Amino acid sequence: MRIVVIEFMSLDGVVQAPGGPEEDTDGGFAHGGWTHPFFDPETVGGAFNDTVSKAEGLLYGRRTWQNMAAAWPSRAGDPFADRMNAMPKYVVSETLSDDELTWNTTLIPGDAAVARLRELRDTGDGDLVVMGSPSLVRTLLHEGLVDELRLIVMPVILGGGKTIFPGDGLRHRLELVSATTGGTGVQVCTYRRAAE
């Protein structure tokens, strides 16, 4: 199973609260919803549709899972939403319990996450897709568990906020597989792990 990460990202690497003002205000972040002016349905929508259509499951950190589980079930009837709602999900969390889970989700306890994700990666098929979840993605990158990184880069600098990149001092080499530019200046760049 491949772990594929897809992220909205500013030019300065910020991934925090792309969807709305109240999504994530940690650290006083005041730019929630910053992707909206640059959303190109063909380019951005196409990237998400392509990614989800190849997925066998979705993987989230707690906060992103809570936001997604609250939003997507009510969108049933749309083919993309139906695909999102039907497939299995996994949430990595130290605080959630099994009885809080909805939306076809399995809990992966935070202290066992790396080992469990290595196991899924070694024994599963298809793609396990991660959206949002910056803390989880930082860990996955640090541990060398990301097989593909799809960055949806918006032409804006936010001046600070959460990022997915580990500050571990290690070099993580990637190779560019494809790049597409939309009419709003958004770029979808797909990278895969390169041989060291």
N, C-alpha and C. Protein backbone atom coordinates (compact mmCIF):
# COMPACT_ATOMS: atom_id res chain seq x y z
N MET A 1 0.85 -1.18 0.00
CA MET A 1 0.00 0.00 0.00
C MET A 1 0.89 1.24 0.00
N ARG A 2 0.56 2.19 -0.86
CA ARG A 2 1.30 3.45 -0.88
C ARG A 2 0.61 4.47 0.01
N ILE A 3 1.40 5.26 0.72
CA ILE A 3 0.84 6.39 1.46
C ILE A 3 1.02 7.63 0.59
N VAL A 4 -0.11 8.24 0.23
CA VAL A 4 -0.13 9.41 -0.64
C VAL A 4 -0.68 10.58 0.16
N VAL A 5 0.07 11.67 0.19
CA VAL A 5 -0.34 12.88 0.91
C VAL A 5 -0.75 13.92 -0.13
N ILE A 6 -1.93 14.54 0.06
CA ILE A 6 -2.35 15.65 -0.77
C ILE A 6 -2.66 16.83 0.14
N GLU A 7 -2.06 17.98 -0.17
CA GLU A 7 -2.15 19.15 0.71
C GLU A 7 -2.32 20.43 -0.09
N PHE A 8 -3.19 21.32 0.42
CA PHE A 8 -3.17 22.72 0.00
C PHE A 8 -1.97 23.36 0.68
N MET A 9 -1.23 24.22 -0.06
CA MET A 9 -0.04 24.82 0.53
C MET A 9 0.17 26.23 -0.05
N SER A 10 0.55 27.15 0.84
CA SER A 10 0.94 28.49 0.39
C SER A 10 2.37 28.44 -0.14
N LEU A 11 2.82 29.51 -0.77
CA LEU A 11 4.19 29.56 -1.27
C LEU A 11 5.22 29.45 -0.16
N ASP A 12 4.86 29.87 1.05
CA ASP A 12 5.80 29.76 2.17
C ASP A 12 5.55 28.50 3.01
N GLY A 13 4.86 27.52 2.43
CA GLY A 13 4.76 26.20 3.04
C GLY A 13 3.68 26.03 4.08
N VAL A 14 2.76 26.97 4.22
CA VAL A 14 1.71 26.88 5.23
C VAL A 14 0.56 26.02 4.71
N VAL A 15 0.06 25.14 5.57
CA VAL A 15 -1.07 24.27 5.22
C VAL A 15 -2.26 24.48 6.15
N GLN A 16 -2.13 25.35 7.11
CA GLN A 16 -3.13 25.53 8.17
C GLN A 16 -4.42 26.15 7.64
N ALA A 17 -5.55 25.58 8.04
CA ALA A 17 -6.90 26.15 7.81
C ALA A 17 -7.16 26.60 6.39
N PRO A 18 -7.00 25.72 5.41
CA PRO A 18 -7.27 26.15 4.04
C PRO A 18 -8.75 26.36 3.75
N GLY A 19 -9.63 25.72 4.54
CA GLY A 19 -11.04 25.69 4.19
C GLY A 19 -11.92 26.78 4.76
N GLY A 20 -11.57 27.34 5.92
CA GLY A 20 -12.46 28.33 6.50
C GLY A 20 -11.87 29.02 7.70
N PRO A 21 -12.44 30.17 8.10
CA PRO A 21 -11.88 30.99 9.16
C PRO A 21 -11.80 30.32 10.52
N GLU A 22 -12.73 29.43 10.85
CA GLU A 22 -12.73 28.80 12.17
C GLU A 22 -12.13 27.40 12.17
N GLU A 23 -11.61 26.97 11.03
CA GLU A 23 -11.09 25.61 10.90
C GLU A 23 -9.96 25.31 11.87
N ASP A 24 -8.99 26.22 12.00
CA ASP A 24 -7.85 26.02 12.89
C ASP A 24 -7.21 27.38 13.16
N THR A 25 -7.47 27.92 14.33
CA THR A 25 -6.94 29.24 14.68
C THR A 25 -5.75 29.14 15.64
N ASP A 26 -5.20 27.94 15.82
CA ASP A 26 -4.04 27.77 16.70
C ASP A 26 -2.96 28.79 16.37
N GLY A 27 -2.31 29.31 17.41
CA GLY A 27 -1.24 30.27 17.22
C GLY A 27 -1.72 31.63 16.74
N GLY A 28 -3.04 31.87 16.84
CA GLY A 28 -3.59 33.14 16.36
C GLY A 28 -3.72 33.22 14.86
N PHE A 29 -3.71 32.07 14.17
CA PHE A 29 -3.78 32.07 12.71
C PHE A 29 -5.09 32.73 12.26
N ALA A 30 -4.97 33.76 11.42
CA ALA A 30 -6.13 34.57 11.03
C ALA A 30 -6.46 34.52 9.55
N HIS A 31 -5.88 33.56 8.83
CA HIS A 31 -6.07 33.51 7.37
C HIS A 31 -6.91 32.33 6.91
N GLY A 32 -7.69 31.75 7.81
CA GLY A 32 -8.50 30.58 7.45
C GLY A 32 -9.33 30.81 6.20
N GLY A 33 -9.34 29.83 5.31
CA GLY A 33 -10.05 29.94 4.04
C GLY A 33 -9.22 30.57 2.94
N TRP A 34 -7.92 30.65 3.14
CA TRP A 34 -7.02 31.33 2.21
C TRP A 34 -6.96 30.72 0.81
N THR A 35 -7.45 29.50 0.64
CA THR A 35 -7.40 28.86 -0.69
C THR A 35 -8.51 29.33 -1.62
N HIS A 36 -9.58 29.84 -1.09
CA HIS A 36 -10.79 30.11 -1.89
C HIS A 36 -10.55 30.97 -3.13
N PRO A 37 -9.78 32.07 -3.06
CA PRO A 37 -9.61 32.88 -4.27
C PRO A 37 -8.86 32.17 -5.40
N PHE A 38 -8.15 31.11 -5.06
CA PHE A 38 -7.29 30.43 -6.03
C PHE A 38 -7.82 29.07 -6.45
N PHE A 39 -8.99 28.70 -5.93
CA PHE A 39 -9.53 27.37 -6.22
C PHE A 39 -9.94 27.31 -7.69
N ASP A 40 -9.32 26.43 -8.41
CA ASP A 40 -9.60 26.20 -9.83
C ASP A 40 -10.27 24.83 -9.90
N PRO A 41 -11.59 24.79 -10.19
CA PRO A 41 -12.29 23.50 -10.14
C PRO A 41 -11.67 22.42 -11.03
N GLU A 42 -11.21 22.81 -12.19
CA GLU A 42 -10.65 21.81 -13.10
C GLU A 42 -9.32 21.27 -12.58
N THR A 43 -8.42 22.17 -12.20
CA THR A 43 -7.08 21.75 -11.77
C THR A 43 -7.10 21.18 -10.36
N VAL A 44 -7.65 21.93 -9.41
CA VAL A 44 -7.65 21.49 -8.02
C VAL A 44 -8.66 20.35 -7.82
N GLY A 45 -9.87 20.55 -8.31
CA GLY A 45 -10.88 19.49 -8.22
C GLY A 45 -10.41 18.21 -8.90
N GLY A 46 -9.76 18.36 -10.06
CA GLY A 46 -9.24 17.20 -10.78
C GLY A 46 -8.18 16.47 -9.99
N ALA A 47 -7.32 17.21 -9.29
CA ALA A 47 -6.26 16.58 -8.49
C ALA A 47 -6.86 15.77 -7.35
N PHE A 48 -7.86 16.34 -6.66
CA PHE A 48 -8.49 15.60 -5.56
C PHE A 48 -9.28 14.41 -6.08
N ASN A 49 -10.00 14.58 -7.20
CA ASN A 49 -10.77 13.48 -7.76
C ASN A 49 -9.86 12.34 -8.17
N ASP A 50 -8.75 12.66 -8.82
CA ASP A 50 -7.80 11.63 -9.24
C ASP A 50 -7.22 10.90 -8.03
N THR A 51 -6.87 11.65 -6.99
CA THR A 51 -6.28 11.06 -5.79
C THR A 51 -7.26 10.15 -5.08
N VAL A 52 -8.48 10.62 -4.87
CA VAL A 52 -9.48 9.84 -4.15
C VAL A 52 -9.95 8.63 -4.97
N SER A 53 -10.01 8.78 -6.29
CA SER A 53 -10.47 7.65 -7.12
C SER A 53 -9.52 6.46 -7.05
N LYS A 54 -8.25 6.69 -6.72
CA LYS A 54 -7.26 5.61 -6.62
C LYS A 54 -7.08 5.12 -5.18
N ALA A 55 -7.78 5.74 -4.25
CA ALA A 55 -7.59 5.42 -2.83
C ALA A 55 -8.36 4.17 -2.42
N GLU A 56 -7.75 3.41 -1.54
CA GLU A 56 -8.41 2.28 -0.89
C GLU A 56 -8.81 2.64 0.53
N GLY A 57 -8.28 3.75 1.02
CA GLY A 57 -8.61 4.21 2.36
C GLY A 57 -8.10 5.61 2.57
N LEU A 58 -8.60 6.25 3.63
CA LEU A 58 -8.20 7.61 4.00
C LEU A 58 -7.61 7.58 5.40
N LEU A 59 -6.57 8.38 5.61
CA LEU A 59 -5.87 8.44 6.88
C LEU A 59 -5.84 9.89 7.35
N TYR A 60 -6.20 10.10 8.63
CA TYR A 60 -6.26 11.45 9.17
C TYR A 60 -5.66 11.51 10.56
N GLY A 61 -5.24 12.71 10.93
CA GLY A 61 -5.01 13.05 12.33
C GLY A 61 -6.35 13.40 12.95
N ARG A 62 -6.39 13.52 14.26
CA ARG A 62 -7.65 13.72 14.97
C ARG A 62 -8.42 14.95 14.52
N ARG A 63 -7.79 16.11 14.50
CA ARG A 63 -8.52 17.34 14.20
C ARG A 63 -9.09 17.32 12.78
N THR A 64 -8.29 16.92 11.81
CA THR A 64 -8.77 16.87 10.43
C THR A 64 -9.91 15.85 10.32
N TRP A 65 -9.75 14.69 10.98
CA TRP A 65 -10.82 13.69 10.93
C TRP A 65 -12.11 14.25 11.50
N GLN A 66 -12.04 14.93 12.63
CA GLN A 66 -13.26 15.49 13.23
C GLN A 66 -13.94 16.47 12.28
N ASN A 67 -13.17 17.32 11.62
CA ASN A 67 -13.74 18.27 10.65
C ASN A 67 -14.37 17.54 9.46
N MET A 68 -13.66 16.56 8.94
CA MET A 68 -14.14 15.83 7.76
C MET A 68 -15.37 14.98 8.10
N ALA A 69 -15.33 14.29 9.24
CA ALA A 69 -16.45 13.43 9.64
C ALA A 69 -17.71 14.24 9.92
N ALA A 70 -17.54 15.49 10.29
CA ALA A 70 -18.70 16.36 10.53
C ALA A 70 -19.28 16.90 9.22
N ALA A 71 -18.46 17.00 8.18
CA ALA A 71 -18.89 17.65 6.94
C ALA A 71 -19.35 16.68 5.84
N TRP A 72 -18.62 15.60 5.60
CA TRP A 72 -18.84 14.80 4.40
C TRP A 72 -20.09 13.94 4.40
N PRO A 73 -20.50 13.31 5.50
CA PRO A 73 -21.69 12.47 5.42
C PRO A 73 -22.94 13.20 4.92
N SER A 74 -23.05 14.48 5.18
CA SER A 74 -24.22 15.23 4.74
C SER A 74 -24.18 15.57 3.25
N ARG A 75 -23.09 15.27 2.58
CA ARG A 75 -22.95 15.57 1.15
C ARG A 75 -23.26 14.37 0.26
N ALA A 76 -23.89 13.35 0.82
CA ALA A 76 -24.21 12.14 0.05
C ALA A 76 -25.01 12.50 -1.19
N GLY A 77 -24.80 11.71 -2.24
CA GLY A 77 -25.50 11.94 -3.50
C GLY A 77 -24.59 12.49 -4.58
N ASP A 78 -23.47 13.06 -4.18
CA ASP A 78 -22.46 13.53 -5.12
C ASP A 78 -21.45 12.38 -5.28
N PRO A 79 -21.03 12.05 -6.51
CA PRO A 79 -20.13 10.89 -6.68
C PRO A 79 -18.84 10.98 -5.87
N PHE A 80 -18.23 12.17 -5.79
CA PHE A 80 -17.01 12.33 -5.01
C PHE A 80 -17.29 12.10 -3.53
N ALA A 81 -18.35 12.72 -3.02
CA ALA A 81 -18.72 12.55 -1.61
C ALA A 81 -19.07 11.10 -1.31
N ASP A 82 -19.79 10.45 -2.23
CA ASP A 82 -20.15 9.05 -2.01
C ASP A 82 -18.90 8.18 -1.91
N ARG A 83 -17.90 8.46 -2.73
CA ARG A 83 -16.64 7.70 -2.67
C ARG A 83 -15.94 7.97 -1.33
N MET A 84 -15.88 9.24 -0.94
CA MET A 84 -15.25 9.59 0.35
C MET A 84 -15.96 8.90 1.51
N ASN A 85 -17.29 8.91 1.48
CA ASN A 85 -18.07 8.34 2.58
C ASN A 85 -17.97 6.82 2.64
N ALA A 86 -17.83 6.16 1.50
CA ALA A 86 -17.86 4.70 1.45
C ALA A 86 -16.56 4.03 1.88
N MET A 87 -15.44 4.65 1.58
CA MET A 87 -14.18 3.95 1.82
C MET A 87 -13.79 3.94 3.30
N PRO A 88 -12.98 2.97 3.71
CA PRO A 88 -12.54 2.91 5.10
C PRO A 88 -11.64 4.09 5.44
N LYS A 89 -11.75 4.53 6.70
CA LYS A 89 -10.90 5.61 7.20
C LYS A 89 -10.15 5.12 8.43
N TYR A 90 -9.01 5.77 8.65
CA TYR A 90 -8.20 5.52 9.83
C TYR A 90 -7.90 6.88 10.44
N VAL A 91 -7.98 6.96 11.76
CA VAL A 91 -7.64 8.20 12.45
C VAL A 91 -6.59 7.89 13.52
N VAL A 92 -5.50 8.67 13.49
CA VAL A 92 -4.46 8.55 14.50
C VAL A 92 -4.77 9.54 15.60
N SER A 93 -4.92 9.03 16.82
CA SER A 93 -5.27 9.91 17.93
C SER A 93 -4.85 9.31 19.26
N GLU A 94 -4.44 10.19 20.15
CA GLU A 94 -4.15 9.82 21.54
C GLU A 94 -5.40 10.02 22.41
N THR A 95 -6.37 10.81 21.92
CA THR A 95 -7.49 11.21 22.78
C THR A 95 -8.84 10.61 22.39
N LEU A 96 -9.05 10.24 21.14
CA LEU A 96 -10.32 9.64 20.73
C LEU A 96 -10.43 8.22 21.26
N SER A 97 -11.65 7.76 21.47
CA SER A 97 -11.89 6.36 21.84
C SER A 97 -12.76 5.72 20.76
N ASP A 98 -12.78 4.41 20.72
CA ASP A 98 -13.54 3.69 19.70
C ASP A 98 -15.01 4.07 19.70
N ASP A 99 -15.58 4.36 20.87
CA ASP A 99 -17.01 4.67 20.91
C ASP A 99 -17.33 6.07 20.36
N GLU A 100 -16.33 6.88 20.08
CA GLU A 100 -16.54 8.19 19.47
C GLU A 100 -16.46 8.14 17.94
N LEU A 101 -16.06 7.00 17.41
CA LEU A 101 -15.81 6.90 15.97
C LEU A 101 -17.10 6.75 15.18
N THR A 102 -17.16 7.43 14.07
CA THR A 102 -18.24 7.36 13.10
C THR A 102 -17.59 7.28 11.73
N TRP A 103 -18.38 7.34 10.69
CA TRP A 103 -17.88 7.55 9.32
C TRP A 103 -16.94 6.43 8.87
N ASN A 104 -17.30 5.18 9.25
CA ASN A 104 -16.54 4.03 8.77
C ASN A 104 -15.05 4.13 9.12
N THR A 105 -14.76 4.43 10.40
CA THR A 105 -13.41 4.77 10.82
C THR A 105 -12.86 3.79 11.85
N THR A 106 -11.58 3.50 11.72
CA THR A 106 -10.83 2.67 12.67
C THR A 106 -9.81 3.56 13.37
N LEU A 107 -9.71 3.41 14.67
CA LEU A 107 -8.76 4.18 15.47
C LEU A 107 -7.38 3.53 15.44
N ILE A 108 -6.36 4.35 15.23
CA ILE A 108 -4.97 3.93 15.40
C ILE A 108 -4.42 4.75 16.56
N PRO A 109 -4.16 4.12 17.71
CA PRO A 109 -3.64 4.88 18.85
C PRO A 109 -2.31 5.56 18.50
N GLY A 110 -2.16 6.80 18.94
CA GLY A 110 -0.99 7.59 18.59
C GLY A 110 0.33 6.93 18.92
N ASP A 111 0.40 6.23 20.06
CA ASP A 111 1.67 5.62 20.45
C ASP A 111 2.02 4.39 19.61
N ALA A 112 1.06 3.87 18.87
CA ALA A 112 1.29 2.70 18.01
C ALA A 112 1.23 3.06 16.53
N ALA A 113 1.11 4.35 16.23
CA ALA A 113 0.81 4.77 14.86
C ALA A 113 1.89 4.37 13.86
N VAL A 114 3.14 4.66 14.16
CA VAL A 114 4.21 4.39 13.18
C VAL A 114 4.27 2.89 12.87
N ALA A 115 4.25 2.06 13.88
CA ALA A 115 4.31 0.61 13.66
C ALA A 115 3.09 0.12 12.87
N ARG A 116 1.90 0.61 13.24
CA ARG A 116 0.67 0.18 12.55
C ARG A 116 0.67 0.65 11.10
N LEU A 117 1.14 1.85 10.84
CA LEU A 117 1.16 2.36 9.47
C LEU A 117 2.21 1.63 8.63
N ARG A 118 3.32 1.26 9.23
CA ARG A 118 4.30 0.43 8.49
C ARG A 118 3.65 -0.90 8.11
N GLU A 119 2.91 -1.47 9.05
CA GLU A 119 2.23 -2.74 8.80
C GLU A 119 1.20 -2.59 7.67
N LEU A 120 0.37 -1.57 7.73
CA LEU A 120 -0.61 -1.32 6.66
C LEU A 120 0.08 -1.15 5.32
N ARG A 121 1.15 -0.38 5.33
CA ARG A 121 1.89 -0.10 4.10
C ARG A 121 2.49 -1.37 3.51
N ASP A 122 2.95 -2.27 4.36
CA ASP A 122 3.60 -3.49 3.89
C ASP A 122 2.62 -4.57 3.47
N THR A 123 1.38 -4.54 3.99
CA THR A 123 0.46 -5.64 3.73
C THR A 123 -0.76 -5.25 2.90
N GLY A 124 -1.07 -3.97 2.80
CA GLY A 124 -2.26 -3.55 2.07
C GLY A 124 -2.01 -3.35 0.59
N ASP A 125 -3.07 -3.03 -0.13
CA ASP A 125 -2.98 -2.73 -1.56
C ASP A 125 -3.53 -1.33 -1.80
N GLY A 126 -3.23 -0.77 -2.95
CA GLY A 126 -3.78 0.53 -3.33
C GLY A 126 -3.14 1.67 -2.57
N ASP A 127 -3.83 2.80 -2.54
CA ASP A 127 -3.32 4.00 -1.90
C ASP A 127 -4.07 4.29 -0.60
N LEU A 128 -3.34 4.69 0.41
CA LEU A 128 -3.89 5.22 1.65
C LEU A 128 -3.62 6.71 1.59
N VAL A 129 -4.66 7.52 1.49
CA VAL A 129 -4.53 8.95 1.22
C VAL A 129 -4.67 9.76 2.49
N VAL A 130 -3.76 10.70 2.67
CA VAL A 130 -3.78 11.62 3.80
C VAL A 130 -4.10 13.01 3.26
N MET A 131 -5.10 13.67 3.86
CA MET A 131 -5.43 15.06 3.55
C MET A 131 -5.29 15.86 4.83
N GLY A 132 -4.77 17.08 4.72
CA GLY A 132 -4.62 17.90 5.93
C GLY A 132 -3.68 17.23 6.90
N SER A 133 -4.05 17.21 8.19
CA SER A 133 -3.33 16.45 9.22
C SER A 133 -1.83 16.78 9.28
N PRO A 134 -1.46 18.07 9.45
CA PRO A 134 -0.04 18.43 9.36
C PRO A 134 0.87 17.73 10.37
N SER A 135 0.43 17.52 11.59
CA SER A 135 1.29 16.83 12.57
C SER A 135 1.55 15.39 12.14
N LEU A 136 0.51 14.72 11.68
CA LEU A 136 0.66 13.35 11.19
C LEU A 136 1.59 13.30 9.98
N VAL A 137 1.41 14.22 9.04
CA VAL A 137 2.25 14.21 7.83
C VAL A 137 3.71 14.47 8.18
N ARG A 138 3.98 15.37 9.12
CA ARG A 138 5.36 15.60 9.56
C ARG A 138 5.99 14.30 10.06
N THR A 139 5.23 13.55 10.86
CA THR A 139 5.73 12.27 11.37
C THR A 139 5.96 11.28 10.23
N LEU A 140 5.00 11.19 9.31
CA LEU A 140 5.14 10.27 8.18
C LEU A 140 6.36 10.60 7.33
N LEU A 141 6.59 11.89 7.07
CA LEU A 141 7.77 12.30 6.30
C LEU A 141 9.04 11.97 7.06
N HIS A 142 9.08 12.28 8.34
CA HIS A 142 10.26 11.98 9.16
C HIS A 142 10.59 10.49 9.14
N GLU A 143 9.55 9.66 9.19
CA GLU A 143 9.74 8.20 9.25
C GLU A 143 9.95 7.58 7.87
N GLY A 144 9.93 8.38 6.81
CA GLY A 144 10.12 7.84 5.46
C GLY A 144 8.93 7.03 4.96
N LEU A 145 7.72 7.34 5.43
CA LEU A 145 6.53 6.56 5.09
C LEU A 145 5.68 7.18 3.98
N VAL A 146 6.06 8.34 3.48
CA VAL A 146 5.29 8.97 2.41
C VAL A 146 5.86 8.53 1.07
N ASP A 147 5.01 7.89 0.27
CA ASP A 147 5.44 7.43 -1.06
C ASP A 147 5.22 8.49 -2.13
N GLU A 148 4.18 9.29 -1.95
CA GLU A 148 3.88 10.33 -2.93
C GLU A 148 3.34 11.56 -2.21
N LEU A 149 3.79 12.72 -2.65
CA LEU A 149 3.39 14.00 -2.06
C LEU A 149 2.81 14.86 -3.17
N ARG A 150 1.52 15.17 -3.05
CA ARG A 150 0.84 16.02 -4.03
C ARG A 150 0.57 17.37 -3.37
N LEU A 151 1.28 18.38 -3.81
CA LEU A 151 1.15 19.71 -3.23
C LEU A 151 0.34 20.59 -4.16
N ILE A 152 -0.72 21.17 -3.64
CA ILE A 152 -1.55 22.11 -4.40
C ILE A 152 -1.13 23.49 -3.91
N VAL A 153 -0.20 24.08 -4.65
CA VAL A 153 0.47 25.31 -4.22
C VAL A 153 -0.28 26.52 -4.74
N MET A 154 -0.73 27.35 -3.79
CA MET A 154 -1.49 28.55 -4.11
C MET A 154 -0.54 29.76 -4.15
N PRO A 155 -0.76 30.71 -5.05
CA PRO A 155 0.13 31.85 -5.17
C PRO A 155 -0.13 32.91 -4.10
N VAL A 156 0.19 32.55 -2.86
CA VAL A 156 -0.01 33.46 -1.74
C VAL A 156 1.03 33.14 -0.66
N ILE A 157 1.51 34.17 0.02
CA ILE A 157 2.41 34.01 1.16
C ILE A 157 1.61 34.39 2.40
N LEU A 158 1.60 33.52 3.40
CA LEU A 158 0.78 33.73 4.59
C LEU A 158 1.57 34.23 5.79
N GLY A 159 2.88 34.16 5.75
CA GLY A 159 3.70 34.74 6.80
C GLY A 159 3.78 33.94 8.09
N GLY A 160 3.34 32.70 8.07
CA GLY A 160 3.44 31.85 9.25
C GLY A 160 2.20 31.00 9.42
N GLY A 161 2.37 29.87 10.06
CA GLY A 161 1.31 28.92 10.27
C GLY A 161 1.87 27.52 10.25
N LYS A 162 1.01 26.55 10.37
CA LYS A 162 1.44 25.15 10.42
C LYS A 162 1.95 24.68 9.06
N THR A 163 2.96 23.84 9.13
CA THR A 163 3.56 23.26 7.93
C THR A 163 3.63 21.75 8.09
N ILE A 164 3.85 21.06 7.00
CA ILE A 164 3.97 19.60 7.06
C ILE A 164 5.42 19.13 7.13
N PHE A 165 6.36 20.05 6.95
CA PHE A 165 7.74 19.63 6.81
C PHE A 165 8.41 19.41 8.15
N PRO A 166 9.08 18.25 8.32
CA PRO A 166 9.75 17.98 9.58
C PRO A 166 10.97 18.90 9.76
N GLY A 167 11.22 19.29 10.98
CA GLY A 167 12.41 20.07 11.30
C GLY A 167 13.45 19.17 11.93
N ASP A 168 13.68 18.01 11.30
CA ASP A 168 14.53 16.98 11.90
C ASP A 168 15.99 17.05 11.47
N GLY A 169 16.31 18.01 10.59
CA GLY A 169 17.69 18.11 10.13
C GLY A 169 18.09 17.02 9.14
N LEU A 170 17.14 16.16 8.75
CA LEU A 170 17.43 15.09 7.80
C LEU A 170 17.05 15.52 6.39
N ARG A 171 17.78 15.01 5.44
CA ARG A 171 17.47 15.29 4.04
C ARG A 171 16.46 14.26 3.55
N HIS A 172 15.42 14.74 2.89
CA HIS A 172 14.38 13.88 2.33
C HIS A 172 14.32 14.20 0.84
N ARG A 173 14.90 13.34 0.01
CA ARG A 173 14.99 13.62 -1.41
C ARG A 173 13.75 13.13 -2.14
N LEU A 174 13.20 14.00 -3.00
CA LEU A 174 12.01 13.68 -3.79
C LEU A 174 12.31 13.94 -5.26
N GLU A 175 11.49 13.34 -6.13
CA GLU A 175 11.60 13.66 -7.55
C GLU A 175 10.24 14.13 -8.05
N LEU A 176 10.27 15.17 -8.88
CA LEU A 176 9.05 15.71 -9.45
C LEU A 176 8.54 14.78 -10.53
N VAL A 177 7.29 14.35 -10.39
CA VAL A 177 6.67 13.44 -11.35
C VAL A 177 5.80 14.20 -12.35
N SER A 178 5.07 15.20 -11.85
CA SER A 178 4.23 16.00 -12.74
C SER A 178 3.95 17.35 -12.10
N ALA A 179 3.62 18.32 -12.97
CA ALA A 179 3.24 19.65 -12.50
C ALA A 179 2.20 20.20 -13.48
N THR A 180 1.12 20.72 -12.92
CA THR A 180 0.03 21.28 -13.70
C THR A 180 -0.27 22.66 -13.14
N THR A 181 -0.47 23.63 -14.02
CA THR A 181 -0.80 24.98 -13.59
C THR A 181 -2.22 25.31 -14.00
N GLY A 182 -3.00 25.83 -13.06
CA GLY A 182 -4.38 26.22 -13.32
C GLY A 182 -4.47 27.70 -13.67
N GLY A 183 -5.63 28.12 -14.10
CA GLY A 183 -5.86 29.49 -14.53
C GLY A 183 -5.74 30.52 -13.43
N THR A 184 -5.86 30.12 -12.17
CA THR A 184 -5.75 31.06 -11.04
C THR A 184 -4.32 31.18 -10.53
N GLY A 185 -3.38 30.48 -11.17
CA GLY A 185 -2.00 30.47 -10.72
C GLY A 185 -1.67 29.34 -9.77
N VAL A 186 -2.66 28.52 -9.44
CA VAL A 186 -2.41 27.36 -8.59
C VAL A 186 -1.60 26.33 -9.37
N GLN A 187 -0.69 25.66 -8.67
CA GLN A 187 0.09 24.58 -9.27
C GLN A 187 -0.12 23.30 -8.48
N VAL A 188 -0.33 22.22 -9.19
CA VAL A 188 -0.41 20.90 -8.57
C VAL A 188 0.88 20.18 -8.93
N CYS A 189 1.72 19.97 -7.93
CA CYS A 189 3.03 19.34 -8.11
C CYS A 189 3.03 17.99 -7.40
N THR A 190 3.35 16.96 -8.13
CA THR A 190 3.39 15.60 -7.57
C THR A 190 4.83 15.14 -7.49
N TYR A 191 5.20 14.72 -6.27
CA TYR A 191 6.56 14.25 -6.01
C TYR A 191 6.50 12.83 -5.48
N ARG A 192 7.53 12.06 -5.79
CA ARG A 192 7.70 10.72 -5.21
C ARG A 192 9.04 10.63 -4.55
N ARG A 193 9.14 9.72 -3.62
CA ARG A 193 10.43 9.50 -2.96
C ARG A 193 11.48 9.12 -4.00
N ALA A 194 12.63 9.74 -3.91
CA ALA A 194 13.73 9.41 -4.83
C ALA A 194 14.69 8.49 -4.13
N ALA A 195 15.37 7.67 -4.92
CA ALA A 195 16.41 6.81 -4.36
C ALA A 195 17.54 7.69 -3.86
N GLU A 196 18.03 7.39 -2.69
CA GLU A 196 19.14 8.18 -2.12
C GLU A 196 20.44 7.83 -2.80
